[in-house]
Amino acid sequence: MESIADSLDFDGGWRALYAANRGAIGADPDNISAGQTLTTPVGTEAGNGTK
């Protein structure tokens, strides 16, 4: 999550990105599958839908 949030310059870092995607990811923020789509909350610097 950290490298994804960093590459997007995501406001709030990996914790905010995880919070926005916890339902899709589950309890472990390191459990992201290849090809999985994450959303970025609208209103954030990187928040323009899905990535």
Protein backbone atom coordinates (compact mmCIF):
# COMPACT_ATOMS: atom_id res chain seq x y z
CA MET A 1 0.00 0.00 0.00
CA GLU A 2 2.79 2.39 0.84
CA SER A 3 4.42 2.23 -2.60
CA ILE A 4 1.03 2.69 -4.30
CA ALA A 5 0.14 5.68 -2.13
CA ASP A 6 3.61 7.18 -2.70
CA SER A 7 3.39 6.74 -6.49
CA LEU A 8 0.05 8.58 -6.47
CA ASP A 9 1.25 11.28 -4.03
CA PHE A 10 -1.82 10.22 -2.09
CA ASP A 11 -2.86 12.69 0.59
CA GLY A 12 -2.90 10.78 3.89
CA GLY A 13 -0.52 8.08 2.71
CA TRP A 14 -1.13 4.37 2.71
CA ARG A 15 -3.39 4.50 5.76
CA ALA A 16 -5.92 6.72 3.97
CA LEU A 17 -5.71 4.59 0.82
CA TYR A 18 -6.27 1.46 2.89
CA ALA A 19 -9.20 3.05 4.74
CA ALA A 20 -10.84 3.85 1.41
CA ASN A 21 -10.38 0.25 0.22
CA ARG A 22 -10.68 -1.80 3.40
CA GLY A 23 -13.88 -3.47 2.16
CA ALA A 24 -12.11 -4.75 -0.95
CA ILE A 25 -8.80 -5.59 0.72
CA GLY A 26 -9.90 -6.99 4.08
CA ALA A 27 -8.16 -6.84 7.43
CA ASP A 28 -4.59 -7.09 6.08
CA PRO A 29 -3.42 -4.05 4.10
CA ASP A 30 -0.57 -6.15 2.64
CA ASN A 31 -3.09 -8.54 1.05
CA ILE A 32 -3.52 -6.91 -2.36
CA SER A 33 -3.93 -9.15 -5.40
CA ALA A 34 -2.33 -8.43 -8.76
CA GLY A 35 -4.85 -6.67 -10.96
CA GLN A 36 -7.03 -5.62 -8.04
CA THR A 37 -8.66 -2.21 -8.54
CA LEU A 38 -8.39 0.29 -5.72
CA THR A 39 -10.39 3.47 -5.41
CA THR A 40 -9.19 6.87 -4.33
CA PRO A 41 -11.67 9.06 -2.49
CA VAL A 42 -12.94 12.01 -4.50
CA GLY A 43 -11.73 15.28 -3.05
CA THR A 44 -8.18 14.10 -2.40
CA GLU A 45 -5.22 15.20 -4.46
CA ALA A 46 -5.09 11.78 -6.16
CA GLY A 47 -8.84 11.28 -5.88
CA ASN A 48 -10.23 11.05 -9.34
CA GLY A 49 -11.94 7.67 -9.22
CA THR A 50 -10.18 4.35 -9.66
CA LYS A 51 -6.58 3.51 -10.46
